[in-house]
């Protein structure tokens, strides 16, 4: 990883940590988030996954438009870190611990690599 990539990764991680802390306080059922990126193709390669504790919690979050809230929060925090994905809404995915357990036996590494 180049020095500039490491600096970008640090800014990205900081912004995502802020979003995660806010979401844990305000979004019912939200548990954690992670990201994947190929810094040679950044920001187009950025993928953010927001994880809820159950399928029902994710359904309820979508019904309450919490997915839109999380995307707006991500957009604001990333912009504050000078990171501007062109199509953030398409780069943010929502998942649940329950779905990972059911479909990948709880193996997040395998689930996220697909």
N, C-alpha and C. Protein backbone atom coordinates (compact mmCIF):
# COMPACT_ATOMS: atom_id res chain seq x y z
N UNK A 1 0.85 -1.18 0.00
CA UNK A 1 0.00 0.00 0.00
C UNK A 1 0.90 1.24 0.00
N UNK A 2 0.64 2.13 -0.93
CA UNK A 2 1.41 3.37 -1.00
C UNK A 2 1.07 4.27 0.19
N UNK A 3 1.96 5.21 0.46
CA UNK A 3 1.75 6.14 1.57
C UNK A 3 0.44 6.91 1.39
N UNK A 4 0.17 7.35 0.17
CA UNK A 4 -1.07 8.10 -0.09
C UNK A 4 -2.31 7.21 0.12
N UNK A 5 -2.19 5.92 -0.23
CA UNK A 5 -3.29 4.99 0.01
C UNK A 5 -3.53 4.81 1.50
N UNK A 6 -2.45 4.72 2.27
CA UNK A 6 -2.57 4.56 3.72
C UNK A 6 -3.24 5.78 4.34
N UNK A 7 -2.87 6.97 3.87
CA UNK A 7 -3.49 8.20 4.39
C UNK A 7 -4.99 8.22 4.05
N UNK A 8 -5.31 7.84 2.84
CA UNK A 8 -6.71 7.77 2.41
C UNK A 8 -7.47 6.74 3.26
N UNK A 9 -6.87 5.59 3.47
CA UNK A 9 -7.49 4.55 4.28
C UNK A 9 -7.74 5.05 5.71
N UNK A 10 -6.80 5.78 6.27
CA UNK A 10 -6.98 6.32 7.62
C UNK A 10 -8.14 7.30 7.68
N UNK A 11 -8.25 8.18 6.67
CA UNK A 11 -9.37 9.12 6.62
C UNK A 11 -10.69 8.38 6.47
N UNK A 12 -10.70 7.38 5.61
CA UNK A 12 -11.91 6.58 5.39
C UNK A 12 -12.32 5.86 6.67
N UNK A 13 -11.39 5.22 7.33
CA UNK A 13 -11.69 4.51 8.57
C UNK A 13 -12.22 5.46 9.64
N UNK A 14 -11.64 6.65 9.73
CA UNK A 14 -12.11 7.63 10.71
C UNK A 14 -13.54 8.04 10.45
N UNK A 15 -13.86 8.31 9.19
CA UNK A 15 -15.23 8.70 8.82
C UNK A 15 -16.21 7.57 9.10
N UNK A 16 -15.83 6.35 8.76
CA UNK A 16 -16.71 5.21 8.99
C UNK A 16 -16.90 4.92 10.47
N UNK A 17 -15.86 5.15 11.26
CA UNK A 17 -15.99 4.96 12.71
C UNK A 17 -17.00 5.95 13.29
N UNK A 18 -16.97 7.18 12.81
CA UNK A 18 -17.94 8.18 13.28
C UNK A 18 -19.36 7.75 12.92
N UNK A 19 -19.55 7.29 11.70
CA UNK A 19 -20.87 6.84 11.27
C UNK A 19 -21.33 5.66 12.13
N UNK A 20 -20.44 4.73 12.37
CA UNK A 20 -20.79 3.55 13.16
C UNK A 20 -21.22 3.94 14.56
N UNK A 21 -20.47 4.83 15.19
CA UNK A 21 -20.81 5.26 16.55
C UNK A 21 -22.18 5.94 16.60
N UNK A 22 -22.44 6.81 15.62
CA UNK A 22 -23.74 7.48 15.57
C UNK A 22 -24.88 6.49 15.30
N UNK A 23 -24.64 5.55 14.39
CA UNK A 23 -25.67 4.57 14.05
C UNK A 23 -25.97 3.64 15.22
N UNK A 24 -24.95 3.26 15.97
CA UNK A 24 -25.18 2.40 17.13
C UNK A 24 -26.10 3.07 18.15
N UNK A 25 -26.00 4.38 18.24
CA UNK A 25 -26.83 5.14 19.19
C UNK A 25 -28.24 5.40 18.67
N UNK A 26 -28.40 5.47 17.35
CA UNK A 26 -29.67 5.97 16.84
C UNK A 26 -30.46 5.04 15.92
N UNK A 27 -29.87 3.97 15.45
CA UNK A 27 -30.56 3.08 14.50
C UNK A 27 -30.81 1.72 15.17
N UNK A 28 -32.05 1.41 15.49
CA UNK A 28 -32.36 0.13 16.15
C UNK A 28 -31.91 -1.07 15.31
N UNK A 29 -31.23 -2.00 15.95
CA UNK A 29 -30.80 -3.22 15.28
C UNK A 29 -29.48 -3.12 14.55
N UNK A 30 -28.96 -1.90 14.34
CA UNK A 30 -27.67 -1.74 13.68
C UNK A 30 -26.59 -2.27 14.59
N UNK A 31 -25.62 -3.01 14.03
CA UNK A 31 -24.55 -3.58 14.84
C UNK A 31 -23.16 -3.11 14.45
N UNK A 32 -22.84 -3.09 13.16
CA UNK A 32 -21.50 -2.70 12.75
C UNK A 32 -21.48 -2.44 11.25
N UNK A 33 -20.36 -1.90 10.78
CA UNK A 33 -20.17 -1.73 9.34
C UNK A 33 -18.74 -2.04 8.99
N UNK A 34 -18.52 -2.31 7.74
CA UNK A 34 -17.18 -2.57 7.24
C UNK A 34 -17.08 -2.02 5.82
N UNK A 35 -15.87 -2.03 5.30
CA UNK A 35 -15.69 -1.54 3.93
C UNK A 35 -14.67 -2.41 3.21
N UNK A 36 -14.78 -2.40 1.90
CA UNK A 36 -13.81 -3.04 1.03
C UNK A 36 -13.45 -2.02 -0.04
N UNK A 37 -12.20 -2.01 -0.45
CA UNK A 37 -11.79 -1.06 -1.48
C UNK A 37 -10.51 -1.51 -2.16
N UNK A 38 -10.44 -1.24 -3.44
CA UNK A 38 -9.21 -1.39 -4.21
C UNK A 38 -8.73 0.04 -4.45
N UNK A 39 -7.67 0.43 -3.77
CA UNK A 39 -7.25 1.83 -3.81
C UNK A 39 -6.69 2.25 -5.17
N UNK A 40 -6.43 1.31 -6.04
CA UNK A 40 -6.03 1.69 -7.41
C UNK A 40 -7.23 2.20 -8.20
N UNK A 41 -8.44 1.82 -7.75
CA UNK A 41 -9.67 2.24 -8.44
C UNK A 41 -10.59 3.02 -7.51
N UNK A 42 -10.03 3.65 -6.53
CA UNK A 42 -10.81 4.38 -5.54
C UNK A 42 -11.21 5.75 -6.09
N UNK A 43 -12.39 6.24 -5.85
CA UNK A 43 -13.42 5.77 -4.94
C UNK A 43 -14.45 4.84 -5.59
N UNK A 44 -14.31 4.57 -6.89
CA UNK A 44 -15.30 3.72 -7.57
C UNK A 44 -15.38 2.32 -6.98
N UNK A 45 -14.26 1.82 -6.44
CA UNK A 45 -14.23 0.46 -5.91
C UNK A 45 -14.75 0.35 -4.48
N UNK A 46 -15.02 1.47 -3.84
CA UNK A 46 -15.46 1.45 -2.45
C UNK A 46 -16.80 0.73 -2.29
N UNK A 47 -16.84 -0.18 -1.33
CA UNK A 47 -18.08 -0.89 -0.99
C UNK A 47 -18.21 -0.86 0.53
N UNK A 48 -19.33 -0.38 1.01
CA UNK A 48 -19.59 -0.29 2.45
C UNK A 48 -20.75 -1.22 2.77
N UNK A 49 -20.59 -2.01 3.82
CA UNK A 49 -21.63 -2.95 4.23
C UNK A 49 -22.06 -2.59 5.65
N UNK A 50 -23.34 -2.28 5.81
CA UNK A 50 -23.93 -1.99 7.12
C UNK A 50 -24.66 -3.24 7.59
N UNK A 51 -24.33 -3.69 8.79
CA UNK A 51 -24.85 -4.97 9.28
C UNK A 51 -25.81 -4.76 10.45
N UNK A 52 -26.95 -5.43 10.35
CA UNK A 52 -27.97 -5.41 11.40
C UNK A 52 -27.97 -6.77 12.09
N UNK A 53 -28.54 -6.81 13.29
CA UNK A 53 -28.50 -8.07 14.04
C UNK A 53 -29.42 -9.14 13.48
N UNK A 54 -30.50 -8.77 12.83
CA UNK A 54 -31.43 -9.78 12.31
C UNK A 54 -32.07 -9.30 11.01
N UNK A 55 -32.66 -10.24 10.30
CA UNK A 55 -33.40 -9.90 9.08
C UNK A 55 -34.55 -8.95 9.40
N UNK A 56 -35.25 -9.23 10.50
CA UNK A 56 -36.38 -8.38 10.89
C UNK A 56 -35.92 -6.96 11.20
N UNK A 57 -34.79 -6.82 11.88
CA UNK A 57 -34.27 -5.48 12.20
C UNK A 57 -33.94 -4.73 10.92
N UNK A 58 -33.39 -5.43 9.94
CA UNK A 58 -33.08 -4.80 8.66
C UNK A 58 -34.35 -4.39 7.92
N UNK A 59 -35.35 -5.24 7.92
CA UNK A 59 -36.63 -4.91 7.29
C UNK A 59 -37.25 -3.68 7.95
N UNK A 60 -37.26 -3.67 9.27
CA UNK A 60 -37.81 -2.53 10.01
C UNK A 60 -37.02 -1.26 9.74
N UNK A 61 -35.70 -1.37 9.63
CA UNK A 61 -34.87 -0.20 9.34
C UNK A 61 -35.21 0.36 7.96
N UNK A 62 -35.39 -0.51 7.00
CA UNK A 62 -35.76 -0.05 5.65
C UNK A 62 -37.14 0.59 5.65
N UNK A 63 -38.08 -0.01 6.38
CA UNK A 63 -39.43 0.57 6.45
C UNK A 63 -39.40 1.95 7.10
N UNK A 64 -38.51 2.15 8.05
CA UNK A 64 -38.38 3.44 8.74
C UNK A 64 -37.42 4.38 8.01
N UNK A 65 -36.94 3.95 6.84
CA UNK A 65 -36.03 4.73 6.00
C UNK A 65 -34.70 5.00 6.69
N UNK A 66 -34.32 4.12 7.59
CA UNK A 66 -33.02 4.24 8.25
C UNK A 66 -31.88 3.98 7.26
N UNK A 67 -32.15 3.22 6.20
CA UNK A 67 -31.13 3.02 5.17
C UNK A 67 -30.79 4.34 4.49
N UNK A 68 -31.81 5.16 4.23
CA UNK A 68 -31.57 6.48 3.66
C UNK A 68 -30.79 7.36 4.63
N UNK A 69 -31.16 7.29 5.91
CA UNK A 69 -30.45 8.05 6.94
C UNK A 69 -28.98 7.65 6.98
N UNK A 70 -28.70 6.35 6.96
CA UNK A 70 -27.31 5.88 7.00
C UNK A 70 -26.54 6.35 5.76
N UNK A 71 -27.16 6.31 4.61
CA UNK A 71 -26.49 6.79 3.39
C UNK A 71 -26.20 8.28 3.46
N UNK A 72 -27.14 9.05 3.98
CA UNK A 72 -26.92 10.49 4.14
C UNK A 72 -25.79 10.76 5.14
N UNK A 73 -25.78 10.01 6.21
CA UNK A 73 -24.73 10.15 7.22
C UNK A 73 -23.37 9.77 6.63
N UNK A 74 -23.33 8.68 5.89
CA UNK A 74 -22.09 8.28 5.23
C UNK A 74 -21.61 9.35 4.26
N UNK A 75 -22.54 9.87 3.46
CA UNK A 75 -22.18 10.92 2.49
C UNK A 75 -21.56 12.12 3.20
N UNK A 76 -22.17 12.56 4.29
CA UNK A 76 -21.68 13.73 5.01
C UNK A 76 -20.32 13.48 5.64
N UNK A 77 -20.15 12.35 6.29
CA UNK A 77 -18.88 12.05 6.97
C UNK A 77 -17.76 11.80 5.97
N UNK A 78 -18.06 11.14 4.86
CA UNK A 78 -17.05 10.93 3.83
C UNK A 78 -16.65 12.26 3.19
N UNK A 79 -17.61 13.11 2.92
CA UNK A 79 -17.31 14.43 2.34
C UNK A 79 -16.43 15.24 3.28
N UNK A 80 -16.70 15.16 4.58
CA UNK A 80 -15.88 15.88 5.56
C UNK A 80 -14.45 15.35 5.58
N UNK A 81 -14.26 14.11 5.15
CA UNK A 81 -12.93 13.51 5.07
C UNK A 81 -12.33 13.63 3.67
N UNK A 82 -12.95 14.46 2.83
CA UNK A 82 -12.51 14.70 1.45
C UNK A 82 -12.57 13.42 0.61
N UNK A 83 -13.59 12.62 0.85
CA UNK A 83 -13.83 11.40 0.07
C UNK A 83 -15.20 11.55 -0.57
N UNK A 84 -15.24 11.52 -1.90
CA UNK A 84 -16.49 11.80 -2.59
C UNK A 84 -16.81 10.72 -3.62
N UNK A 85 -17.40 9.62 -3.17
CA UNK A 85 -17.82 8.59 -4.13
C UNK A 85 -18.90 9.14 -5.06
N UNK A 86 -18.84 8.76 -6.31
CA UNK A 86 -19.79 9.28 -7.29
C UNK A 86 -21.18 8.68 -7.13
N UNK A 87 -21.24 7.44 -6.67
CA UNK A 87 -22.53 6.74 -6.59
C UNK A 87 -22.65 6.02 -5.26
N UNK A 88 -22.57 6.76 -4.18
CA UNK A 88 -22.52 6.16 -2.86
C UNK A 88 -23.70 5.24 -2.59
N UNK A 89 -24.89 5.62 -2.98
CA UNK A 89 -26.08 4.80 -2.68
C UNK A 89 -25.94 3.40 -3.27
N UNK A 90 -25.30 3.29 -4.43
CA UNK A 90 -25.08 1.97 -5.04
C UNK A 90 -23.91 1.23 -4.40
N UNK A 91 -23.07 1.96 -3.67
CA UNK A 91 -21.89 1.36 -3.05
C UNK A 91 -22.13 0.94 -1.60
N UNK A 92 -23.30 1.27 -1.07
CA UNK A 92 -23.65 0.89 0.30
C UNK A 92 -24.61 -0.29 0.23
N UNK A 93 -24.28 -1.32 0.97
CA UNK A 93 -25.10 -2.54 1.01
C UNK A 93 -25.52 -2.79 2.45
N UNK A 94 -26.64 -3.46 2.60
CA UNK A 94 -27.18 -3.75 3.93
C UNK A 94 -27.31 -5.26 4.07
N UNK A 95 -26.97 -5.74 5.25
CA UNK A 95 -26.96 -7.18 5.49
C UNK A 95 -27.32 -7.42 6.95
N UNK A 96 -27.41 -8.70 7.32
CA UNK A 96 -27.71 -9.02 8.72
C UNK A 96 -26.86 -10.19 9.19
N UNK A 97 -26.62 -10.21 10.49
CA UNK A 97 -25.91 -11.32 11.11
C UNK A 97 -26.68 -12.62 10.86
N UNK A 98 -27.99 -12.53 10.94
CA UNK A 98 -28.84 -13.70 10.74
C UNK A 98 -28.68 -14.29 9.34
N UNK A 99 -28.64 -13.43 8.32
CA UNK A 99 -28.48 -13.90 6.95
C UNK A 99 -27.11 -14.53 6.74
N UNK A 100 -26.08 -13.94 7.31
CA UNK A 100 -24.74 -14.51 7.19
C UNK A 100 -24.68 -15.88 7.86
N UNK A 101 -25.28 -15.99 9.02
CA UNK A 101 -25.29 -17.27 9.72
C UNK A 101 -26.03 -18.33 8.90
N UNK A 102 -27.14 -17.95 8.33
CA UNK A 102 -27.97 -18.88 7.56
C UNK A 102 -27.29 -19.30 6.25
N UNK A 103 -26.69 -18.34 5.55
CA UNK A 103 -26.18 -18.60 4.21
C UNK A 103 -24.69 -18.94 4.15
N UNK A 104 -23.91 -18.49 5.15
CA UNK A 104 -22.46 -18.72 5.13
C UNK A 104 -21.93 -19.23 6.47
N UNK A 105 -22.83 -19.72 7.31
CA UNK A 105 -22.45 -20.25 8.62
C UNK A 105 -21.63 -19.26 9.44
N UNK A 106 -21.97 -17.99 9.30
CA UNK A 106 -21.32 -16.94 10.08
C UNK A 106 -19.96 -16.51 9.56
N UNK A 107 -19.57 -16.99 8.38
CA UNK A 107 -18.26 -16.67 7.82
C UNK A 107 -18.34 -15.37 7.02
N UNK A 108 -18.08 -14.26 7.68
CA UNK A 108 -18.19 -12.95 7.03
C UNK A 108 -17.13 -12.77 5.95
N UNK A 109 -15.96 -13.31 6.15
CA UNK A 109 -14.91 -13.17 5.13
C UNK A 109 -15.38 -13.76 3.80
N UNK A 110 -15.94 -14.94 3.86
CA UNK A 110 -16.44 -15.58 2.64
C UNK A 110 -17.62 -14.80 2.07
N UNK A 111 -18.52 -14.37 2.94
CA UNK A 111 -19.71 -13.64 2.49
C UNK A 111 -19.34 -12.34 1.78
N UNK A 112 -18.40 -11.61 2.35
CA UNK A 112 -18.03 -10.31 1.79
C UNK A 112 -17.20 -10.44 0.51
N UNK A 113 -16.57 -11.59 0.32
CA UNK A 113 -15.74 -11.76 -0.88
C UNK A 113 -16.57 -12.09 -2.12
N UNK A 114 -17.87 -12.34 -1.93
CA UNK A 114 -18.72 -12.68 -3.08
C UNK A 114 -19.37 -11.47 -3.67
